[in-house]
C-alpha cells in the first residue's frame, strides 16, 4: 500500500506573500559600538562647569528690596539719530538705609560697599531722597562726601517721611575722587529711606 504526501496548499494570487525575515549583522562588532558611544561621551565631558560668584560682604548701603539683576554697559549710552543732536544717558546710583544699620562711616572695614570711585569726567548733578518711614534718633542724616565720614557733596536729613526731596550736589570732584556714604544720628528704632545720586558719566563720542 503506497502512501502519498500532499504538498501544502499554495496561497492565492490575491493573498500577500510575506517576505522572508531579514537578519542584520552588526559590522565591526564591539569596536563599532564603542565608536558610536564616543560622541555622546565627548559631549558629556565638554559640558562647561559654572562657578557662581561669591556673595558680596554685607553692606549698610543696600539694594532696594526686590532689586533685579542689571544689564551692564561699560561705555556711555548715547541716543538719537546721527543726523540730529544726540543725547547721553543720565546715570544714577540708588541705595537704601534703614533702622537696622545704625550709624556707619563710609569706606571703613566695618561698612563695606560704602565708597565709590569716580571715573574721569563725571559730573555730579543732584540727589533725590525718599523717606518711606521716618527715622527717630538725633537729627538723622545721610552724608555723601569726598572724605570718610564727610559731607562735602550732600548732607540729607532723614527725619520726616513724605514726598521725595531734591538737593543740588555741593561739589565737583576731580577724576579719581572717591565718594563716601555715611549715616549719622542713630541708634534708630524706626526708619527707612532711599537715596539716589544723579550724575552724568564720561563724555561720549557721537554715534556716526
C-alpha atoms as a PDB file:
ATOM      1  CA  UNK A   1       0.000   0.000   0.000  1.00  0.00           C
ATOM      2  CA  UNK A   2       1.507   3.256  -1.053  1.00  0.00           C
ATOM      3  CA  UNK A   3       1.305   6.483   0.998  1.00  0.00           C
ATOM      4  CA  UNK A   4       1.009   9.816  -0.758  1.00  0.00           C
ATOM      5  CA  UNK A   5       2.161  13.018   0.964  1.00  0.00           C
ATOM      6  CA  UNK A   6       0.218  16.054  -0.153  1.00  0.00           C
ATOM      7  CA  UNK A   7       2.040  19.345  -0.665  1.00  0.00           C
ATOM      8  CA  UNK A   8       0.718  22.321   1.374  1.00  0.00           C
ATOM      9  CA  UNK A   9      -1.809  24.410  -0.487  1.00  0.00           C
ATOM     10  CA  UNK A  10      -0.377  27.419  -2.295  1.00  0.00           C
ATOM     11  CA  UNK A  11      -1.648  30.894  -1.463  1.00  0.00           C
ATOM     12  CA  UNK A  12      -3.951  32.551  -3.901  1.00  0.00           C
ATOM     13  CA  UNK A  13      -2.679  35.379  -6.037  1.00  0.00           C
ATOM     14  CA  UNK A  14      -4.755  37.903  -4.062  1.00  0.00           C
ATOM     15  CA  UNK A  15      -3.109  36.991  -0.783  1.00  0.00           C
ATOM     16  CA  UNK A  16       0.124  38.833   0.095  1.00  0.00           C
ATOM     17  CA  UNK A  17       3.191  36.757   0.398  1.00  0.00           C
ATOM     18  CA  UNK A  18       5.227  37.588   3.497  1.00  0.00           C
ATOM     19  CA  UNK A  19       8.882  38.290   2.721  1.00  0.00           C
ATOM     20  CA  UNK A  20      11.416  36.166   4.468  1.00  0.00           C
ATOM     21  CA  UNK A  21      12.865  37.690   7.634  1.00  0.00           C
ATOM     22  CA  UNK A  22      15.999  39.739   7.138  1.00  0.00           C
ATOM     23  CA  UNK A  23      18.764  39.429   9.674  1.00  0.00           C
ATOM     24  CA  UNK A  24      21.072  42.429  10.079  1.00  0.00           C
ATOM     25  CA  UNK A  25      24.523  41.721  11.304  1.00  0.00           C
ATOM     26  CA  UNK A  26      26.481  44.496  13.044  1.00  0.00           C
ATOM     27  CA  UNK A  27      29.621  45.457  11.213  1.00  0.00           C
ATOM     28  CA  UNK A  28      32.731  45.932  13.131  1.00  0.00           C
ATOM     29  CA  UNK A  29      31.453  44.271  16.305  1.00  0.00           C
ATOM     30  CA  UNK A  30      32.359  45.778  19.658  1.00  0.00           C
ATOM     31  CA  UNK A  31      34.737  48.330  18.149  1.00  0.00           C
ATOM     32  CA  UNK A  32      31.916  49.984  16.176  1.00  0.00           C
ATOM     33  CA  UNK A  33      29.648  50.090  19.243  1.00  0.00           C
ATOM     34  CA  UNK A  34      32.335  51.899  21.199  1.00  0.00           C
ATOM     35  CA  UNK A  35      32.812  54.337  18.330  1.00  0.00           C
ATOM     36  CA  UNK A  36      29.106  55.178  18.439  1.00  0.00           C
ATOM     37  CA  UNK A  37      29.288  55.817  22.168  1.00  0.00           C
ATOM     38  CA  UNK A  38      32.303  58.112  21.837  1.00  0.00           C
ATOM     39  CA  UNK A  39      30.446  61.256  20.611  1.00  0.00           C
ATOM     40  CA  UNK A  40      27.937  61.056  23.466  1.00  0.00           C
ATOM     41  CA  UNK A  41      30.700  60.651  25.998  1.00  0.00           C
ATOM     42  CA  UNK A  42      32.611  63.572  24.484  1.00  0.00           C
ATOM     43  CA  UNK A  43      29.535  65.804  24.634  1.00  0.00           C
ATOM     44  CA  UNK A  44      29.046  64.954  28.289  1.00  0.00           C
ATOM     45  CA  UNK A  45      32.676  65.653  29.087  1.00  0.00           C
ATOM     46  CA  UNK A  46      32.568  69.005  27.257  1.00  0.00           C
ATOM     47  CA  UNK A  47      29.753  70.423  29.423  1.00  0.00           C
ATOM     48  CA  UNK A  48      31.037  73.693  30.983  1.00  0.00           C
ATOM     49  CA  UNK A  49      31.406  73.947  34.726  1.00  0.00           C
ATOM     50  CA  UNK A  50      29.624  77.062  36.021  1.00  0.00           C
ATOM     51  CA  UNK A  51      31.031  78.536  39.215  1.00  0.00           C
ATOM     52  CA  UNK A  52      28.757  81.153  40.829  1.00  0.00           C
ATOM     53  CA  UNK A  53      30.219  84.397  42.105  1.00  0.00           C
ATOM     54  CA  UNK A  54      30.666  84.644  45.838  1.00  0.00           C
ATOM     55  CA  UNK A  55      28.126  86.744  47.698  1.00  0.00           C
ATOM     56  CA  UNK A  56      29.366  90.296  48.378  1.00  0.00           C
ATOM     57  CA  UNK A  57      30.027  91.251  52.002  1.00  0.00           C
ATOM     58  CA  UNK A  58      27.089  92.621  53.939  1.00  0.00           C
ATOM     59  CA  UNK A  59      26.816  96.382  53.452  1.00  0.00           C
ATOM     60  CA  UNK A  60      24.704  99.001  55.240  1.00  0.00           C
ATOM     61  CA  UNK A  61      24.215 100.623  51.818  1.00  0.00           C
ATOM     62  CA  UNK A  62      21.822  98.035  50.433  1.00  0.00           C
ATOM     63  CA  UNK A  63      19.999  97.471  47.169  1.00  0.00           C
ATOM     64  CA  UNK A  64      16.244  98.005  47.494  1.00  0.00           C
ATOM     65  CA  UNK A  65      14.041  95.059  48.324  1.00  0.00           C
ATOM     66  CA  UNK A  66      13.085  93.242  45.121  1.00  0.00           C
ATOM     67  CA  UNK A  67      16.091  94.587  43.181  1.00  0.00           C
ATOM     68  CA  UNK A  68      16.788  92.686  39.955  1.00  0.00           C
ATOM     69  CA  UNK A  69      19.937  91.786  38.094  1.00  0.00           C
ATOM     70  CA  UNK A  70      21.071  94.540  35.742  1.00  0.00           C
ATOM     71  CA  UNK A  71      22.447  94.709  32.212  1.00  0.00           C
ATOM     72  CA  UNK A  72      25.884  96.317  32.391  1.00  0.00           C
ATOM     73  CA  UNK A  73      27.310  98.694  29.783  1.00  0.00           C
ATOM     74  CA  UNK A  74      30.931  99.751  30.211  1.00  0.00           C
ATOM     75  CA  UNK A  75      30.668 102.776  27.934  1.00  0.00           C
ATOM     76  CA  UNK A  76      28.300 105.775  27.888  1.00  0.00           C
ATOM     77  CA  UNK A  77      24.872 105.227  26.333  1.00  0.00           C
ATOM     78  CA  UNK A  78      24.004 107.694  23.535  1.00  0.00           C
ATOM     79  CA  UNK A  79      20.572 108.068  21.954  1.00  0.00           C
ATOM     80  CA  UNK A  80      19.416 109.936  18.835  1.00  0.00           C
ATOM     81  CA  UNK A  81      19.725 109.720  15.057  1.00  0.00           C
ATOM     82  CA  UNK A  82      23.157 110.561  13.650  1.00  0.00           C
ATOM     83  CA  UNK A  83      21.695 113.451  11.608  1.00  0.00           C
ATOM     84  CA  UNK A  84      20.381 115.249  14.688  1.00  0.00           C
ATOM     85  CA  UNK A  85      21.539 116.275  18.139  1.00  0.00           C
ATOM     86  CA  UNK A  86      22.272 113.210  20.217  1.00  0.00           C
ATOM     87  CA  UNK A  87      21.887 112.827  23.946  1.00  0.00           C
ATOM     88  CA  UNK A  88      23.857 110.956  26.572  1.00  0.00           C
ATOM     89  CA  UNK A  89      22.025 108.959  29.227  1.00  0.00           C
ATOM     90  CA  UNK A  90      21.957 110.377  32.749  1.00  0.00           C
ATOM     91  CA  UNK A  91      23.051 107.825  35.338  1.00  0.00           C
ATOM     92  CA  UNK A  92      22.031 107.342  38.942  1.00  0.00           C
ATOM     93  CA  UNK A  93      23.223 105.392  41.931  1.00  0.00           C
ATOM     94  CA  UNK A  94      20.479 104.292  44.317  1.00  0.00           C
ATOM     95  CA  UNK A  95      20.935 102.889  47.794  1.00  0.00           C
ATOM     96  CA  UNK A  96      18.701 102.243  50.813  1.00  0.00           C
ATOM     97  CA  UNK A  97      19.314 102.705  54.521  1.00  0.00           C
ATOM     98  CA  UNK A  98      17.077 101.639  57.384  1.00  0.00           C
ATOM     99  CA  UNK A  99      16.897 101.391  61.177  1.00  0.00           C
ATOM    100  CA  UNK A 100      18.919  98.154  61.231  1.00  0.00           C
ATOM    101  CA  UNK A 101      22.132  99.789  60.008  1.00  0.00           C
ATOM    102  CA  UNK A 102      22.677 102.281  62.789  1.00  0.00           C
ATOM    103  CA  UNK A 103      25.451 104.825  62.341  1.00  0.00           C
ATOM    104  CA  UNK A 104      28.208 103.926  59.870  1.00  0.00           C
ATOM    105  CA  UNK A 105      31.186 105.721  58.371  1.00  0.00           C
ATOM    106  CA  UNK A 106      31.820 105.279  54.648  1.00  0.00           C
ATOM    107  CA  UNK A 107      34.870 103.438  53.441  1.00  0.00           C
ATOM    108  CA  UNK A 108      35.707 101.674  56.702  1.00  0.00           C
ATOM    109  CA  UNK A 109      36.179  97.936  57.223  1.00  0.00           C
ATOM    110  CA  UNK A 110      33.021  97.920  59.343  1.00  0.00           C
ATOM    111  CA  UNK A 111      30.969  99.346  56.454  1.00  0.00           C
ATOM    112  CA  UNK A 112      31.955  97.617  53.180  1.00  0.00           C
ATOM    113  CA  UNK A 113      30.355  98.820  49.957  1.00  0.00           C
ATOM    114  CA  UNK A 114      30.005 102.430  51.156  1.00  0.00           C
ATOM    115  CA  UNK A 115      32.709 104.030  48.983  1.00  0.00           C
ATOM    116  CA  UNK A 116      32.673 104.595  45.217  1.00  0.00           C
ATOM    117  CA  UNK A 117      35.446 105.694  42.837  1.00  0.00           C
ATOM    118  CA  UNK A 118      34.500 108.326  40.239  1.00  0.00           C
ATOM    119  CA  UNK A 119      35.533 107.921  36.613  1.00  0.00           C
ATOM    120  CA  UNK A 120      37.238 110.655  34.586  1.00  0.00           C
ATOM    121  CA  UNK A 121      34.916 113.483  33.544  1.00  0.00           C
ATOM    122  CA  UNK A 122      31.944 112.551  35.748  1.00  0.00           C
ATOM    123  CA  UNK A 123      29.620 115.465  36.567  1.00  0.00           C
ATOM    124  CA  UNK A 124      27.597 115.162  39.775  1.00  0.00           C
ATOM    125  CA  UNK A 125      24.107 116.627  39.383  1.00  0.00           C
ATOM    126  CA  UNK A 126      21.837 116.272  42.406  1.00  0.00           C
ATOM    127  CA  UNK A 127      20.397 113.895  44.965  1.00  0.00           C
ATOM    128  CA  UNK A 128      16.804 112.717  45.372  1.00  0.00           C
ATOM    129  CA  UNK A 129      15.732 111.276  48.719  1.00  0.00           C
ATOM    130  CA  UNK A 130      12.566 109.363  49.526  1.00  0.00           C
ATOM    131  CA  UNK A 131      11.917 108.708  53.228  1.00  0.00           C
ATOM    132  CA  UNK A 132       9.279 105.971  53.389  1.00  0.00           C
ATOM    133  CA  UNK A 133       9.434 105.605  57.178  1.00  0.00           C
ATOM    134  CA  UNK A 134      10.539 108.455  59.428  1.00  0.00           C
ATOM    135  CA  UNK A 135      13.739 107.929  61.387  1.00  0.00           C
ATOM    136  CA  UNK A 136      13.922 108.586  65.106  1.00  0.00           C
ATOM    137  CA  UNK A 137      17.259 109.207  66.790  1.00  0.00           C
ATOM    138  CA  UNK A 138      19.004 112.580  66.912  1.00  0.00           C
ATOM    139  CA  UNK A 139      18.886 114.550  63.628  1.00  0.00           C
ATOM    140  CA  UNK A 140      19.429 111.531  61.334  1.00  0.00           C
ATOM    141  CA  UNK A 141      21.315 112.307  58.126  1.00  0.00           C
ATOM    142  CA  UNK A 142      22.838 110.558  55.130  1.00  0.00           C
ATOM    143  CA  UNK A 143      26.083 112.259  54.145  1.00  0.00           C
ATOM    144  CA  UNK A 144      27.940 111.928  50.844  1.00  0.00           C
ATOM    145  CA  UNK A 145      31.475 113.280  50.941  1.00  0.00           C
ATOM    146  CA  UNK A 146      34.927 113.118  49.439  1.00  0.00           C
ATOM    147  CA  UNK A 147      36.383 112.114  52.806  1.00  0.00           C
ATOM    148  CA  UNK A 148      35.394 109.229  55.054  1.00  0.00           C
ATOM    149  CA  UNK A 149      32.513 110.486  57.188  1.00  0.00           C
ATOM    150  CA  UNK A 150      32.429 113.812  55.299  1.00  0.00           C
ATOM    151  CA  UNK A 151      29.516 115.722  53.764  1.00  0.00           C
ATOM    152  CA  UNK A 152      31.272 117.712  51.011  1.00  0.00           C
ATOM    153  CA  UNK A 153      28.811 116.519  48.341  1.00  0.00           C
ATOM    154  CA  UNK A 154      25.492 116.399  50.198  1.00  0.00           C
ATOM    155  CA  UNK A 155      24.007 116.189  53.697  1.00  0.00           C
ATOM    156  CA  UNK A 156      20.458 114.826  53.605  1.00  0.00           C
ATOM    157  CA  UNK A 157      18.045 114.961  56.550  1.00  0.00           C
ATOM    158  CA  UNK A 158      16.014 111.765  57.041  1.00  0.00           C
ATOM    159  CA  UNK A 159      13.697 112.717  59.885  1.00  0.00           C
ATOM    160  CA  UNK A 160      10.356 113.164  58.082  1.00  0.00           C
ATOM    161  CA  UNK A 161       8.558 110.796  55.732  1.00  0.00           C
ATOM    162  CA  UNK A 162       6.870 112.279  52.683  1.00  0.00           C
ATOM    163  CA  UNK A 163       7.356 113.274  49.065  1.00  0.00           C
ATOM    164  CA  UNK A 164      10.814 112.796  47.511  1.00  0.00           C
ATOM    165  CA  UNK A 165      13.119 115.758  48.159  1.00  0.00           C
ATOM    166  CA  UNK A 166      15.818 117.093  45.834  1.00  0.00           C
ATOM    167  CA  UNK A 167      19.149 118.662  46.730  1.00  0.00           C
ATOM    168  CA  UNK A 168      21.808 120.005  44.398  1.00  0.00           C
ATOM    169  CA  UNK A 169      25.279 118.495  44.523  1.00  0.00           C
ATOM    170  CA  UNK A 170      27.642 120.639  46.570  1.00  0.00           C
ATOM    171  CA  UNK A 171      30.955 119.971  44.845  1.00  0.00           C
ATOM    172  CA  UNK A 172      32.557 118.985  41.548  1.00  0.00           C
ATOM    173  CA  UNK A 173      35.110 116.289  42.438  1.00  0.00           C
ATOM    174  CA  UNK A 174      38.062 115.662  40.148  1.00  0.00           C
ATOM    175  CA  UNK A 175      38.816 112.390  38.386  1.00  0.00           C
ATOM    176  CA  UNK A 176      39.782 109.574  40.692  1.00  0.00           C
ATOM    177  CA  UNK A 177      37.905 111.022  43.662  1.00  0.00           C
ATOM    178  CA  UNK A 178      36.280 108.502  45.994  1.00  0.00           C
ATOM    179  CA  UNK A 179      32.800 109.206  47.339  1.00  0.00           C
ATOM    180  CA  UNK A 180      31.893 108.035  50.826  1.00  0.00           C
ATOM    181  CA  UNK A 181      28.366 107.436  52.143  1.00  0.00           C
ATOM    182  CA  UNK A 182      27.788 107.755  55.885  1.00  0.00           C
ATOM    183  CA  UNK A 183      24.807 107.722  58.245  1.00  0.00           C
ATOM    184  CA  UNK A 184      24.616 109.713  61.477  1.00  0.00           C
ATOM    185  CA  UNK A 185      22.022 110.385  64.185  1.00  0.00           C
ATOM    186  CA  UNK A 186      21.441 106.833  65.426  1.00  0.00           C
ATOM    187  CA  UNK A 187      20.785 104.460  67.035  1.00  0.00           C
ATOM    188  CA  UNK A 188      17.354 104.058  65.458  1.00  0.00           C
ATOM    189  CA  UNK A 189      14.245 102.041  66.264  1.00  0.00           C
ATOM    190  CA  UNK A 190      12.300 103.128  63.145  1.00  0.00           C
ATOM    191  CA  UNK A 191      13.199 104.449  59.716  1.00  0.00           C
ATOM    192  CA  UNK A 192      13.756 103.594  56.044  1.00  0.00           C
ATOM    193  CA  UNK A 193      14.914 105.780  53.149  1.00  0.00           C
ATOM    194  CA  UNK A 194      16.081 105.527  49.539  1.00  0.00           C
ATOM    195  CA  UNK A 195      18.751 107.923  48.283  1.00  0.00           C
ATOM    196  CA  UNK A 196      19.547 108.487  44.591  1.00  0.00           C
ATOM    197  CA  UNK A 197      22.653 110.300  43.363  1.00  0.00           C
ATOM    198  CA  UNK A 198      22.239 111.507  39.769  1.00  0.00           C
ATOM    199  CA  UNK A 199      25.298 112.096  37.626  1.00  0.00           C
ATOM    200  CA  UNK A 200      26.491 112.303  34.006  1.00  0.00           C
ATOM    201  CA  UNK A 201      29.160 109.838  33.001  1.00  0.00           C
ATOM    202  CA  UNK A 202      32.330 110.485  30.979  1.00  0.00           C
ATOM    203  CA  UNK A 203      31.956 112.420  27.725  1.00  0.00           C
ATOM    204  CA  UNK A 204      30.635 110.209  24.921  1.00  0.00           C
ATOM    205  CA  UNK A 205      31.648 110.203  21.266  1.00  0.00           C
ATOM    206  CA  UNK A 206      28.682 110.805  18.927  1.00  0.00           C
ATOM    207  CA  UNK A 207      27.297 107.831  17.074  1.00  0.00           C
ATOM    208  CA  UNK A 208      28.095 108.019  13.341  1.00  0.00           C
END
